[in-house]
Amino acid sequence: SAASDVYKRQIAATALLAMSFSSFSAEFNAGEEYLVIHTGKPTTTNSVVEYFSIYCPHCYSFEKQVIPDYLEMLPDEIELSRSPVTFLGFIDQASQVQMAKAYWVAENSGKGDEFLHAAFERIHLDKKKYAVPILAKVLGKTENEVKGLIDADVVDDKLTEEVGTHFKMLDAGMKGVPSFVVNGKYLIQAAELDRANFTKSLADITTHLNSLD
């Protein structure tokens, strides 16, 4: 009967969907494409953190070539946040600290993305080094006003908290930047992802890891 045919098609479609989900899940394995990490910090849900540095050329390439499509591919409920690191060996730490603090000031002012874009361009195209002039332009403030914001106690506290997290991530297996951590406990091993379809692979594993919680 027609009703029987519809029922059979529904069963077949359900089986196909189950097979598709199994193959999708099987693509990613703990200890290979991702590490399960324990940092002592509370875990989150629907989140992915990019650990990066504005001074890092690879991070700049990611920002231009990967991040826009990655954000488009992620489900709406998964929120990307950024955490600038200060441990790179090829740039002085004072500059890294100031840049990280400048980013947090910009983010708190609702202009984090605008600051990132401006800072990446100034560092890698114009070969500038310092954060204060970039932040002053983004916020429409004087450099002295910006220095006051950067040196605020609340920003220093944020720096202390984030640097502590960075060292925990390094101890847990993070080898450099950019690195992505889903829900505070799954460290993606980007080198193990599909190079031919890297951005989609990154979005797929982010979505998969988020579904585990």
C-alpha atoms as a PDB file:
ATOM      1  CA  SER A   1       0.000   0.000   0.000  1.00  0.00           C
ATOM      2  CA  ALA A   2       0.954   3.658  -0.298  1.00  0.00           C
ATOM      3  CA  ALA A   3       1.086   3.990   3.486  1.00  0.00           C
ATOM      4  CA  SER A   4       3.385   0.974   3.695  1.00  0.00           C
ATOM      5  CA  ASP A   5       5.692   2.454   1.038  1.00  0.00           C
ATOM      6  CA  VAL A   6       5.899   5.741   2.936  1.00  0.00           C
ATOM      7  CA  TYR A   7       6.708   3.857   6.140  1.00  0.00           C
ATOM      8  CA  LYS A   8       9.482   1.906   4.399  1.00  0.00           C
ATOM      9  CA  ARG A   9      10.967   5.102   2.987  1.00  0.00           C
ATOM     10  CA  GLN A  10      10.924   6.679   6.451  1.00  0.00           C
ATOM     11  CA  ILE A  11      12.738   3.652   7.906  1.00  0.00           C
ATOM     12  CA  ALA A  12      15.340   3.782   5.124  1.00  0.00           C
ATOM     13  CA  ALA A  13      15.854   7.517   5.597  1.00  0.00           C
ATOM     14  CA  THR A  14      16.263   7.073   9.366  1.00  0.00           C
ATOM     15  CA  ALA A  15      18.831   4.309   8.828  1.00  0.00           C
ATOM     16  CA  LEU A  16      20.722   6.447   6.330  1.00  0.00           C
ATOM     17  CA  LEU A  17      20.762   9.356   8.756  1.00  0.00           C
ATOM     18  CA  ALA A  18      22.069   7.107  11.526  1.00  0.00           C
ATOM     19  CA  MET A  19      24.796   5.784   9.251  1.00  0.00           C
ATOM     20  CA  SER A  20      25.763   9.321   8.236  1.00  0.00           C
ATOM     21  CA  PHE A  21      25.981  10.415  11.870  1.00  0.00           C
ATOM     22  CA  SER A  22      28.075   7.382  12.801  1.00  0.00           C
ATOM     23  CA  SER A  23      30.534   7.982   9.987  1.00  0.00           C
ATOM     24  CA  PHE A  24      30.708  11.676  10.881  1.00  0.00           C
ATOM     25  CA  SER A  25      31.421  10.865  14.537  1.00  0.00           C
ATOM     26  CA  ALA A  26      33.958   8.187  13.628  1.00  0.00           C
ATOM     27  CA  GLU A  27      36.019  10.720  11.694  1.00  0.00           C
ATOM     28  CA  PHE A  28      37.262  12.251  14.934  1.00  0.00           C
ATOM     29  CA  ASN A  29      38.993  10.297  17.671  1.00  0.00           C
ATOM     30  CA  ALA A  30      40.327  11.303  21.085  1.00  0.00           C
ATOM     31  CA  GLY A  31      44.098  11.235  21.081  1.00  0.00           C
ATOM     32  CA  GLU A  32      44.209  11.815  17.331  1.00  0.00           C
ATOM     33  CA  GLU A  33      42.134  14.733  15.992  1.00  0.00           C
ATOM     34  CA  TYR A  34      41.546  16.078  19.499  1.00  0.00           C
ATOM     35  CA  LEU A  35      42.778  15.757  23.068  1.00  0.00           C
ATOM     36  CA  VAL A  36      40.598  15.637  26.156  1.00  0.00           C
ATOM     37  CA  ILE A  37      42.245  18.102  28.523  1.00  0.00           C
ATOM     38  CA  HIS A  38      41.867  18.885  32.203  1.00  0.00           C
ATOM     39  CA  THR A  39      42.904  22.369  33.303  1.00  0.00           C
ATOM     40  CA  GLY A  40      41.032  22.671  36.590  1.00  0.00           C
ATOM     41  CA  LYS A  41      38.836  25.417  35.144  1.00  0.00           C
ATOM     42  CA  PRO A  42      35.058  25.037  34.927  1.00  0.00           C
ATOM     43  CA  THR A  43      34.003  23.737  31.527  1.00  0.00           C
ATOM     44  CA  THR A  44      31.520  25.575  29.334  1.00  0.00           C
ATOM     45  CA  THR A  45      28.917  24.696  26.728  1.00  0.00           C
ATOM     46  CA  ASN A  46      28.421  25.891  23.156  1.00  0.00           C
ATOM     47  CA  SER A  47      31.805  27.599  23.117  1.00  0.00           C
ATOM     48  CA  VAL A  48      35.066  27.491  21.220  1.00  0.00           C
ATOM     49  CA  VAL A  49      38.078  29.585  22.194  1.00  0.00           C
ATOM     50  CA  GLU A  50      40.790  30.514  19.720  1.00  0.00           C
ATOM     51  CA  TYR A  51      44.168  30.997  21.382  1.00  0.00           C
ATOM     52  CA  PHE A  52      46.114  33.301  19.101  1.00  0.00           C
ATOM     53  CA  SER A  53      48.517  36.223  18.826  1.00  0.00           C
ATOM     54  CA  ILE A  54      48.167  39.306  16.652  1.00  0.00           C
ATOM     55  CA  TYR A  55      51.941  39.073  16.122  1.00  0.00           C
ATOM     56  CA  CYS A  56      51.694  35.515  14.740  1.00  0.00           C
ATOM     57  CA  PRO A  57      51.823  35.349  10.907  1.00  0.00           C
ATOM     58  CA  HIS A  58      49.944  32.049  10.901  1.00  0.00           C
ATOM     59  CA  CYS A  59      47.183  33.581  13.042  1.00  0.00           C
ATOM     60  CA  TYR A  60      46.959  36.454  10.570  1.00  0.00           C
ATOM     61  CA  SER A  61      46.517  33.971   7.705  1.00  0.00           C
ATOM     62  CA  PHE A  62      43.828  32.179   9.716  1.00  0.00           C
ATOM     63  CA  GLU A  63      42.025  35.445  10.363  1.00  0.00           C
ATOM     64  CA  LYS A  64      41.946  36.233   6.651  1.00  0.00           C
ATOM     65  CA  GLN A  65      41.484  32.808   5.080  1.00  0.00           C
ATOM     66  CA  VAL A  66      39.811  30.517   7.626  1.00  0.00           C
ATOM     67  CA  ILE A  67      37.861  32.364  10.313  1.00  0.00           C
ATOM     68  CA  PRO A  68      35.173  34.023   8.105  1.00  0.00           C
ATOM     69  CA  ASP A  69      34.059  30.720   6.518  1.00  0.00           C
ATOM     70  CA  TYR A  70      34.542  28.850   9.813  1.00  0.00           C
ATOM     71  CA  LEU A  71      32.078  31.186  11.527  1.00  0.00           C
ATOM     72  CA  GLU A  72      29.596  30.714   8.690  1.00  0.00           C
ATOM     73  CA  MET A  73      29.820  26.929   9.019  1.00  0.00           C
ATOM     74  CA  LEU A  74      29.393  26.772  12.804  1.00  0.00           C
ATOM     75  CA  PRO A  75      25.905  26.269  14.246  1.00  0.00           C
ATOM     76  CA  ASP A  76      24.419  29.510  15.573  1.00  0.00           C
ATOM     77  CA  GLU A  77      24.562  28.316  19.185  1.00  0.00           C
ATOM     78  CA  ILE A  78      28.354  27.879  19.217  1.00  0.00           C
ATOM     79  CA  GLU A  79      30.097  31.117  20.132  1.00  0.00           C
ATOM     80  CA  LEU A  80      33.717  31.843  19.192  1.00  0.00           C
ATOM     81  CA  SER A  81      35.779  33.874  21.647  1.00  0.00           C
ATOM     82  CA  ARG A  82      39.436  34.868  21.469  1.00  0.00           C
ATOM     83  CA  SER A  83      42.276  34.690  23.965  1.00  0.00           C
ATOM     84  CA  PRO A  84      45.513  36.464  22.940  1.00  0.00           C
ATOM     85  CA  VAL A  85      48.640  34.735  24.261  1.00  0.00           C
ATOM     86  CA  THR A  86      51.853  36.350  25.471  1.00  0.00           C
ATOM     87  CA  PHE A  87      54.367  33.503  25.171  1.00  0.00           C
ATOM     88  CA  LEU A  88      55.732  33.883  21.632  1.00  0.00           C
ATOM     89  CA  GLY A  89      59.503  33.756  21.476  1.00  0.00           C
ATOM     90  CA  PHE A  90      60.126  36.114  18.561  1.00  0.00           C
ATOM     91  CA  ILE A  91      58.523  39.281  19.981  1.00  0.00           C
ATOM     92  CA  ASP A  92      59.264  40.937  23.323  1.00  0.00           C
ATOM     93  CA  GLN A  93      56.831  40.034  26.054  1.00  0.00           C
ATOM     94  CA  ALA A  94      56.044  43.641  27.012  1.00  0.00           C
ATOM     95  CA  SER A  95      54.618  44.260  23.544  1.00  0.00           C
ATOM     96  CA  GLN A  96      52.630  41.018  23.694  1.00  0.00           C
ATOM     97  CA  VAL A  97      51.199  41.907  27.097  1.00  0.00           C
ATOM     98  CA  GLN A  98      50.184  45.376  25.955  1.00  0.00           C
ATOM     99  CA  MET A  99      48.574  43.988  22.791  1.00  0.00           C
ATOM    100  CA  ALA A 100      46.611  41.395  24.761  1.00  0.00           C
ATOM    101  CA  LYS A 101      45.381  44.004  27.218  1.00  0.00           C
ATOM    102  CA  ALA A 102      44.466  46.343  24.371  1.00  0.00           C
ATOM    103  CA  TYR A 103      42.377  43.585  22.810  1.00  0.00           C
ATOM    104  CA  TRP A 104      40.472  43.017  26.057  1.00  0.00           C
ATOM    105  CA  VAL A 105      39.813  46.761  26.390  1.00  0.00           C
ATOM    106  CA  ALA A 106      38.501  46.838  22.813  1.00  0.00           C
ATOM    107  CA  GLU A 107      36.387  43.725  23.357  1.00  0.00           C
ATOM    108  CA  ASN A 108      34.882  45.215  26.513  1.00  0.00           C
ATOM    109  CA  SER A 109      34.010  48.302  24.473  1.00  0.00           C
ATOM    110  CA  GLY A 110      32.231  46.197  21.857  1.00  0.00           C
ATOM    111  CA  LYS A 111      34.993  46.740  19.311  1.00  0.00           C
ATOM    112  CA  GLY A 112      37.038  43.573  19.646  1.00  0.00           C
ATOM    113  CA  ASP A 113      36.625  42.516  16.010  1.00  0.00           C
ATOM    114  CA  GLU A 114      37.371  46.016  14.749  1.00  0.00           C
ATOM    115  CA  PHE A 115      40.545  46.136  16.839  1.00  0.00           C
ATOM    116  CA  LEU A 116      41.627  42.694  15.630  1.00  0.00           C
ATOM    117  CA  HIS A 117      41.239  43.701  12.003  1.00  0.00           C
ATOM    118  CA  ALA A 118      43.114  46.980  12.479  1.00  0.00           C
ATOM    119  CA  ALA A 119      45.882  45.439  14.593  1.00  0.00           C
ATOM    120  CA  PHE A 120      46.501  42.499  12.248  1.00  0.00           C
ATOM    121  CA  GLU A 121      46.796  44.904   9.307  1.00  0.00           C
ATOM    122  CA  ARG A 122      49.090  47.348  11.115  1.00  0.00           C
ATOM    123  CA  ILE A 123      51.380  44.598  12.420  1.00  0.00           C
ATOM    124  CA  HIS A 124      51.677  42.471   9.288  1.00  0.00           C
ATOM    125  CA  LEU A 125      51.240  44.982   6.472  1.00  0.00           C
ATOM    126  CA  ASP A 126      52.500  48.256   7.935  1.00  0.00           C
ATOM    127  CA  LYS A 127      55.113  46.559  10.156  1.00  0.00           C
ATOM    128  CA  LYS A 128      54.061  48.503  13.240  1.00  0.00           C
ATOM    129  CA  LYS A 129      54.584  46.993  16.660  1.00  0.00           C
ATOM    130  CA  TYR A 130      52.681  48.821  19.375  1.00  0.00           C
ATOM    131  CA  ALA A 131      49.083  48.475  20.483  1.00  0.00           C
ATOM    132  CA  VAL A 132      48.323  51.911  21.948  1.00  0.00           C
ATOM    133  CA  PRO A 133      48.089  53.918  18.688  1.00  0.00           C
ATOM    134  CA  ILE A 134      45.921  51.208  17.117  1.00  0.00           C
ATOM    135  CA  LEU A 135      43.535  51.076  20.065  1.00  0.00           C
ATOM    136  CA  ALA A 136      43.366  54.877  20.286  1.00  0.00           C
ATOM    137  CA  LYS A 137      42.229  55.064  16.665  1.00  0.00           C
ATOM    138  CA  VAL A 138      39.677  52.269  17.051  1.00  0.00           C
ATOM    139  CA  LEU A 139      38.145  53.784  20.201  1.00  0.00           C
ATOM    140  CA  GLY A 140      38.441  57.415  19.060  1.00  0.00           C
ATOM    141  CA  LYS A 141      40.427  58.335  22.170  1.00  0.00           C
ATOM    142  CA  THR A 142      43.817  59.896  22.861  1.00  0.00           C
ATOM    143  CA  GLU A 143      46.798  57.664  23.479  1.00  0.00           C
ATOM    144  CA  ASN A 144      46.960  58.839  27.106  1.00  0.00           C
ATOM    145  CA  GLU A 145      43.314  57.913  27.619  1.00  0.00           C
ATOM    146  CA  VAL A 146      43.952  54.487  26.105  1.00  0.00           C
ATOM    147  CA  LYS A 147      47.008  53.913  28.301  1.00  0.00           C
ATOM    148  CA  GLY A 148      44.816  54.554  31.336  1.00  0.00           C
ATOM    149  CA  LEU A 149      42.307  51.959  30.154  1.00  0.00           C
ATOM    150  CA  ILE A 150      45.019  49.391  29.442  1.00  0.00           C
ATOM    151  CA  ASP A 151      46.625  49.871  32.857  1.00  0.00           C
ATOM    152  CA  ALA A 152      43.354  49.520  34.790  1.00  0.00           C
ATOM    153  CA  ASP A 153      43.351  46.971  37.611  1.00  0.00           C
ATOM    154  CA  VAL A 154      40.502  45.005  36.042  1.00  0.00           C
ATOM    155  CA  VAL A 155      42.573  44.524  32.863  1.00  0.00           C
ATOM    156  CA  ASP A 156      45.598  43.432  34.894  1.00  0.00           C
ATOM    157  CA  ASP A 157      43.381  40.891  36.658  1.00  0.00           C
ATOM    158  CA  LYS A 158      42.158  39.616  33.292  1.00  0.00           C
ATOM    159  CA  LEU A 159      45.772  39.273  32.123  1.00  0.00           C
ATOM    160  CA  THR A 160      46.716  37.243  35.209  1.00  0.00           C
ATOM    161  CA  GLU A 161      43.732  34.930  34.735  1.00  0.00           C
ATOM    162  CA  GLU A 162      44.312  34.399  31.011  1.00  0.00           C
ATOM    163  CA  VAL A 163      48.075  33.827  31.305  1.00  0.00           C
ATOM    164  CA  GLY A 164      47.387  31.186  33.936  1.00  0.00           C
ATOM    165  CA  THR A 165      45.008  29.474  31.524  1.00  0.00           C
ATOM    166  CA  HIS A 166      47.574  29.654  28.713  1.00  0.00           C
ATOM    167  CA  PHE A 167      50.164  27.795  30.768  1.00  0.00           C
ATOM    168  CA  LYS A 168      47.591  25.161  31.710  1.00  0.00           C
ATOM    169  CA  MET A 169      46.785  24.732  28.019  1.00  0.00           C
ATOM    170  CA  LEU A 170      50.470  24.354  27.174  1.00  0.00           C
ATOM    171  CA  ASP A 171      50.839  21.726  29.896  1.00  0.00           C
ATOM    172  CA  ALA A 172      47.753  19.961  28.522  1.00  0.00           C
ATOM    173  CA  GLY A 173      49.199  19.668  25.015  1.00  0.00           C
ATOM    174  CA  MET A 174      48.749  22.975  23.196  1.00  0.00           C
ATOM    175  CA  LYS A 175      51.841  23.355  20.995  1.00  0.00           C
ATOM    176  CA  GLY A 176      51.362  26.830  19.566  1.00  0.00           C
ATOM    177  CA  VAL A 177      48.877  29.219  18.010  1.00  0.00           C
ATOM    178  CA  PRO A 178      46.330  29.380  16.614  1.00  0.00           C
ATOM    179  CA  SER A 179      44.771  26.638  18.733  1.00  0.00           C
ATOM    180  CA  PHE A 180      41.103  25.893  19.329  1.00  0.00           C
ATOM    181  CA  VAL A 181      39.525  24.520  22.509  1.00  0.00           C
ATOM    182  CA  VAL A 182      35.876  23.450  22.564  1.00  0.00           C
ATOM    183  CA  ASN A 183      33.887  23.827  25.786  1.00  0.00           C
ATOM    184  CA  GLY A 184      37.076  24.201  27.800  1.00  0.00           C
ATOM    185  CA  LYS A 185      38.041  20.540  27.544  1.00  0.00           C
ATOM    186  CA  TYR A 186      38.610  19.439  23.939  1.00  0.00           C
ATOM    187  CA  LEU A 187      41.823  20.650  22.314  1.00  0.00           C
ATOM    188  CA  ILE A 188      41.614  20.313  18.530  1.00  0.00           C
ATOM    189  CA  GLN A 189      44.727  18.921  16.864  1.00  0.00           C
ATOM    190  CA  ALA A 190      44.586  21.036  13.720  1.00  0.00           C
ATOM    191  CA  ALA A 191      47.534  19.253  12.074  1.00  0.00           C
ATOM    192  CA  GLU A 192      45.474  16.035  11.999  1.00  0.00           C
ATOM    193  CA  LEU A 193      42.500  17.526  10.141  1.00  0.00           C
ATOM    194  CA  ASP A 194      41.729  17.174   6.446  1.00  0.00           C
ATOM    195  CA  ARG A 195      44.130  19.549   4.708  1.00  0.00           C
ATOM    196  CA  ALA A 196      42.151  19.573   1.462  1.00  0.00           C
ATOM    197  CA  ASN A 197      38.983  20.746   3.257  1.00  0.00           C
ATOM    198  CA  PHE A 198      40.535  22.263   6.343  1.00  0.00           C
ATOM    199  CA  THR A 199      37.958  24.920   7.240  1.00  0.00           C
ATOM    200  CA  LYS A 200      35.038  22.515   6.903  1.00  0.00           C
ATOM    201  CA  SER A 201      36.937  19.880   8.873  1.00  0.00           C
ATOM    202  CA  LEU A 202      37.595  22.425  11.636  1.00  0.00           C
ATOM    203  CA  ALA A 203      33.923  23.407  11.749  1.00  0.00           C
ATOM    204  CA  ASP A 204      32.826  19.752  11.689  1.00  0.00           C
ATOM    205  CA  ILE A 205      35.041  18.719  14.584  1.00  0.00           C
ATOM    206  CA  THR A 206      34.015  21.804  16.585  1.00  0.00           C
ATOM    207  CA  THR A 207      30.362  20.876  16.067  1.00  0.00           C
ATOM    208  CA  HIS A 208      31.019  17.222  16.888  1.00  0.00           C
ATOM    209  CA  LEU A 209      32.898  17.993  20.097  1.00  0.00           C
ATOM    210  CA  ASN A 210      30.194  20.396  21.198  1.00  0.00           C
ATOM    211  CA  SER A 211      27.616  17.624  20.698  1.00  0.00           C
ATOM    212  CA  LEU A 212      29.459  15.377  23.182  1.00  0.00           C
ATOM    213  CA  ASP A 213      28.355  17.536  26.117  1.00  0.00           C
END
